[in-house]
Amino acid sequence: MMQLRGMLARIKWGEARGTSTVELALVCPILMVMLAGLVDCARLISTELRLQQAAERTAEMATAGSIASAAFTSLQAEAASAASVPASQVTVSYWLECDGTRQTSFDGTCNTGQQVGRFASISIAGSYTPSFAWLLRSAGANGSIPLTGRASVRVQ
């Protein structure tokens, strides 16, 4: 107890030297957490953009050839390759519209005089696990954030 009183007596309470160092020591952890959060956000957005661009690139491939082309029939594999995900995470849907009404068969025909539209839709599912996933798990989430890239195109 006497040592503590002696140390406190030696402190010059009016002295301002070192205050900026103490302030930096107090603020630095907050700034580091903010920086880590921003880096995680940037990586999340980058992953989302990668999935979206892969879906859009695959939709462009669907329009490159005819409906019977090899490129059109392998859209799922192409999307999976472009997004670096398994093919099971890619959904490709095809449909036919006659005068704006969706039909059950893509290969069907419309009545004479109706406007015909054939469409392809690509959806790529992915996920992002943040560097601080333990924070999400402590909040009750499983630690990863689901992401989806989607694109649709009219093919004819």
Protein backbone atom coordinates (compact mmCIF):
# COMPACT_ATOMS: atom_id res chain seq x y z
CA MET A 1 0.00 0.00 0.00
CA MET A 2 2.85 2.35 0.82
CA GLN A 3 4.48 1.65 -2.58
CA LEU A 4 1.27 2.60 -4.40
CA ARG A 5 0.99 5.85 -2.45
CA GLY A 6 4.62 6.62 -3.26
CA MET A 7 4.04 6.02 -6.97
CA LEU A 8 0.93 8.16 -6.99
CA ALA A 9 2.78 10.95 -5.19
CA ARG A 10 5.49 10.98 -7.88
CA ILE A 11 3.00 11.38 -10.76
CA LYS A 12 2.86 14.89 -12.11
CA TRP A 13 -0.88 15.25 -12.68
CA GLY A 14 -0.58 18.48 -14.63
CA GLU A 15 1.91 16.96 -17.12
CA ALA A 16 0.50 16.52 -20.66
CA ARG A 17 3.31 14.46 -22.19
CA GLY A 18 2.22 11.00 -23.29
CA THR A 19 -1.49 11.74 -23.48
CA SER A 20 -1.59 11.18 -27.23
CA THR A 21 0.06 7.78 -26.72
CA VAL A 22 -2.57 6.82 -24.18
CA GLU A 23 -5.36 8.04 -26.48
CA LEU A 24 -3.92 6.02 -29.37
CA ALA A 25 -3.74 2.94 -27.14
CA LEU A 26 -7.42 3.36 -26.28
CA VAL A 27 -8.62 4.01 -29.85
CA CYS A 28 -6.38 1.55 -31.72
CA PRO A 29 -8.36 -1.63 -30.86
CA ILE A 30 -11.59 0.01 -32.04
CA LEU A 31 -9.96 1.07 -35.31
CA MET A 32 -8.54 -2.42 -35.86
CA VAL A 33 -11.97 -4.05 -35.38
CA MET A 34 -13.50 -1.56 -37.81
CA LEU A 35 -10.77 -2.27 -40.37
CA ALA A 36 -11.29 -6.04 -40.04
CA GLY A 37 -15.03 -5.56 -40.52
CA LEU A 38 -14.48 -3.48 -43.65
CA VAL A 39 -12.12 -6.09 -45.10
CA ASP A 40 -14.72 -8.80 -44.44
CA CYS A 41 -17.42 -6.67 -46.10
CA ALA A 42 -15.21 -6.15 -49.15
CA ARG A 43 -14.55 -9.89 -49.42
CA LEU A 44 -18.30 -10.60 -49.10
CA ILE A 45 -19.12 -8.16 -51.91
CA SER A 46 -16.33 -9.61 -54.05
CA THR A 47 -17.74 -13.13 -53.62
CA GLU A 48 -21.26 -11.93 -54.47
CA LEU A 49 -19.96 -10.17 -57.60
CA ARG A 50 -18.06 -13.30 -58.68
CA LEU A 51 -21.29 -15.35 -58.51
CA GLN A 52 -23.30 -12.67 -60.32
CA GLN A 53 -20.73 -12.29 -63.08
CA ALA A 54 -20.57 -16.07 -63.57
CA ALA A 55 -24.37 -16.19 -63.91
CA GLU A 56 -24.37 -13.32 -66.40
CA ARG A 57 -21.52 -14.84 -68.41
CA THR A 58 -23.43 -18.11 -68.59
CA ALA A 59 -26.57 -16.27 -69.73
CA GLU A 60 -24.51 -14.68 -72.51
CA MET A 61 -23.36 -18.15 -73.57
CA ALA A 62 -27.01 -19.22 -73.79
CA THR A 63 -27.57 -16.57 -76.44
CA ALA A 64 -24.35 -17.29 -78.35
CA GLY A 65 -25.67 -20.28 -80.28
CA SER A 66 -28.96 -21.86 -81.07
CA ILE A 67 -31.12 -23.70 -78.56
CA ALA A 68 -29.78 -27.01 -79.90
CA SER A 69 -26.11 -26.00 -79.58
CA ALA A 70 -23.68 -27.73 -77.23
CA ALA A 71 -23.12 -24.46 -75.36
CA PHE A 72 -26.84 -24.21 -74.58
CA THR A 73 -27.12 -27.77 -73.33
CA SER A 74 -24.11 -27.44 -71.01
CA LEU A 75 -25.07 -24.24 -69.20
CA GLN A 76 -25.07 -25.85 -65.75
CA ALA A 77 -21.52 -27.17 -66.10
CA GLU A 78 -20.34 -23.86 -67.55
CA ALA A 79 -21.88 -21.84 -64.72
CA ALA A 80 -20.38 -24.15 -62.09
CA SER A 81 -16.96 -23.85 -63.70
CA ALA A 82 -17.18 -20.06 -64.00
CA ALA A 83 -18.25 -19.64 -60.36
CA SER A 84 -15.93 -22.33 -58.96
CA VAL A 85 -18.81 -24.13 -57.24
CA PRO A 86 -20.12 -27.70 -57.58
CA ALA A 87 -22.71 -28.25 -60.32
CA SER A 88 -25.24 -29.15 -57.62
CA GLN A 89 -25.25 -25.46 -56.57
CA VAL A 90 -26.31 -24.30 -60.05
CA THR A 91 -29.93 -24.30 -61.17
CA VAL A 92 -30.77 -23.72 -64.82
CA SER A 93 -34.44 -23.25 -65.72
CA TYR A 94 -35.94 -23.16 -69.20
CA TRP A 95 -39.45 -22.06 -70.10
CA LEU A 96 -41.66 -21.07 -72.99
CA GLU A 97 -44.05 -18.13 -72.96
CA CYS A 98 -46.95 -17.72 -75.38
CA ASP A 99 -48.27 -14.13 -75.29
CA GLY A 100 -46.58 -13.70 -71.89
CA THR A 101 -48.15 -16.82 -70.36
CA ARG A 102 -45.66 -19.36 -69.06
CA GLN A 103 -46.09 -22.83 -70.55
CA THR A 104 -45.22 -26.20 -69.01
CA SER A 105 -42.97 -27.38 -71.83
CA PHE A 106 -39.91 -25.54 -73.15
CA ASP A 107 -40.06 -27.48 -76.43
CA GLY A 108 -43.77 -26.84 -77.00
CA THR A 109 -45.31 -24.58 -79.59
CA CYS A 110 -47.63 -21.62 -79.38
CA ASN A 111 -50.83 -21.09 -81.30
CA THR A 112 -50.61 -19.22 -84.56
CA GLY A 113 -50.43 -15.47 -84.04
CA GLN A 114 -49.18 -15.65 -80.46
CA GLN A 115 -45.91 -14.03 -79.45
CA VAL A 116 -43.35 -16.75 -78.68
CA GLY A 117 -40.62 -16.34 -76.11
CA ARG A 118 -38.15 -18.94 -74.84
CA PHE A 119 -36.16 -18.11 -71.73
CA ALA A 120 -33.29 -19.49 -69.71
CA SER A 121 -32.57 -18.58 -66.11
CA ILE A 122 -29.32 -19.35 -64.27
CA SER A 123 -29.08 -19.28 -60.48
CA ILE A 124 -25.80 -19.97 -58.69
CA ALA A 125 -25.84 -20.54 -54.93
CA GLY A 126 -22.78 -19.94 -52.85
CA SER A 127 -21.78 -18.83 -49.39
CA TYR A 128 -19.22 -16.67 -47.66
CA THR A 129 -17.66 -17.43 -44.30
CA PRO A 130 -16.33 -14.26 -42.68
CA SER A 131 -12.99 -14.18 -40.93
CA PHE A 132 -14.86 -13.53 -37.70
CA ALA A 133 -17.47 -16.28 -38.16
CA TRP A 134 -17.35 -17.00 -34.44
CA LEU A 135 -19.19 -13.71 -33.91
CA LEU A 136 -22.04 -14.93 -36.11
CA ARG A 137 -22.13 -18.30 -34.36
CA SER A 138 -22.35 -16.59 -31.00
CA ALA A 139 -25.35 -14.64 -32.33
CA GLY A 140 -27.12 -17.90 -33.23
CA ALA A 141 -26.22 -18.08 -36.95
CA ASN A 142 -24.26 -20.95 -38.47
CA GLY A 143 -21.28 -18.75 -39.36
CA SER A 144 -21.69 -18.51 -43.13
CA ILE A 145 -23.68 -16.07 -45.24
CA PRO A 146 -25.67 -17.48 -48.19
CA LEU A 147 -25.18 -15.70 -51.52
CA THR A 148 -26.85 -16.07 -54.93
CA GLY A 149 -26.01 -14.91 -58.43
CA ARG A 150 -28.92 -14.83 -60.89
CA ALA A 151 -29.36 -14.00 -64.56
CA SER A 152 -32.15 -14.60 -67.06
CA VAL A 153 -32.15 -14.21 -70.80
CA ARG A 154 -34.51 -14.65 -73.71
CA VAL A 155 -33.13 -17.20 -76.16
CA GLN A 156 -34.36 -17.49 -79.75
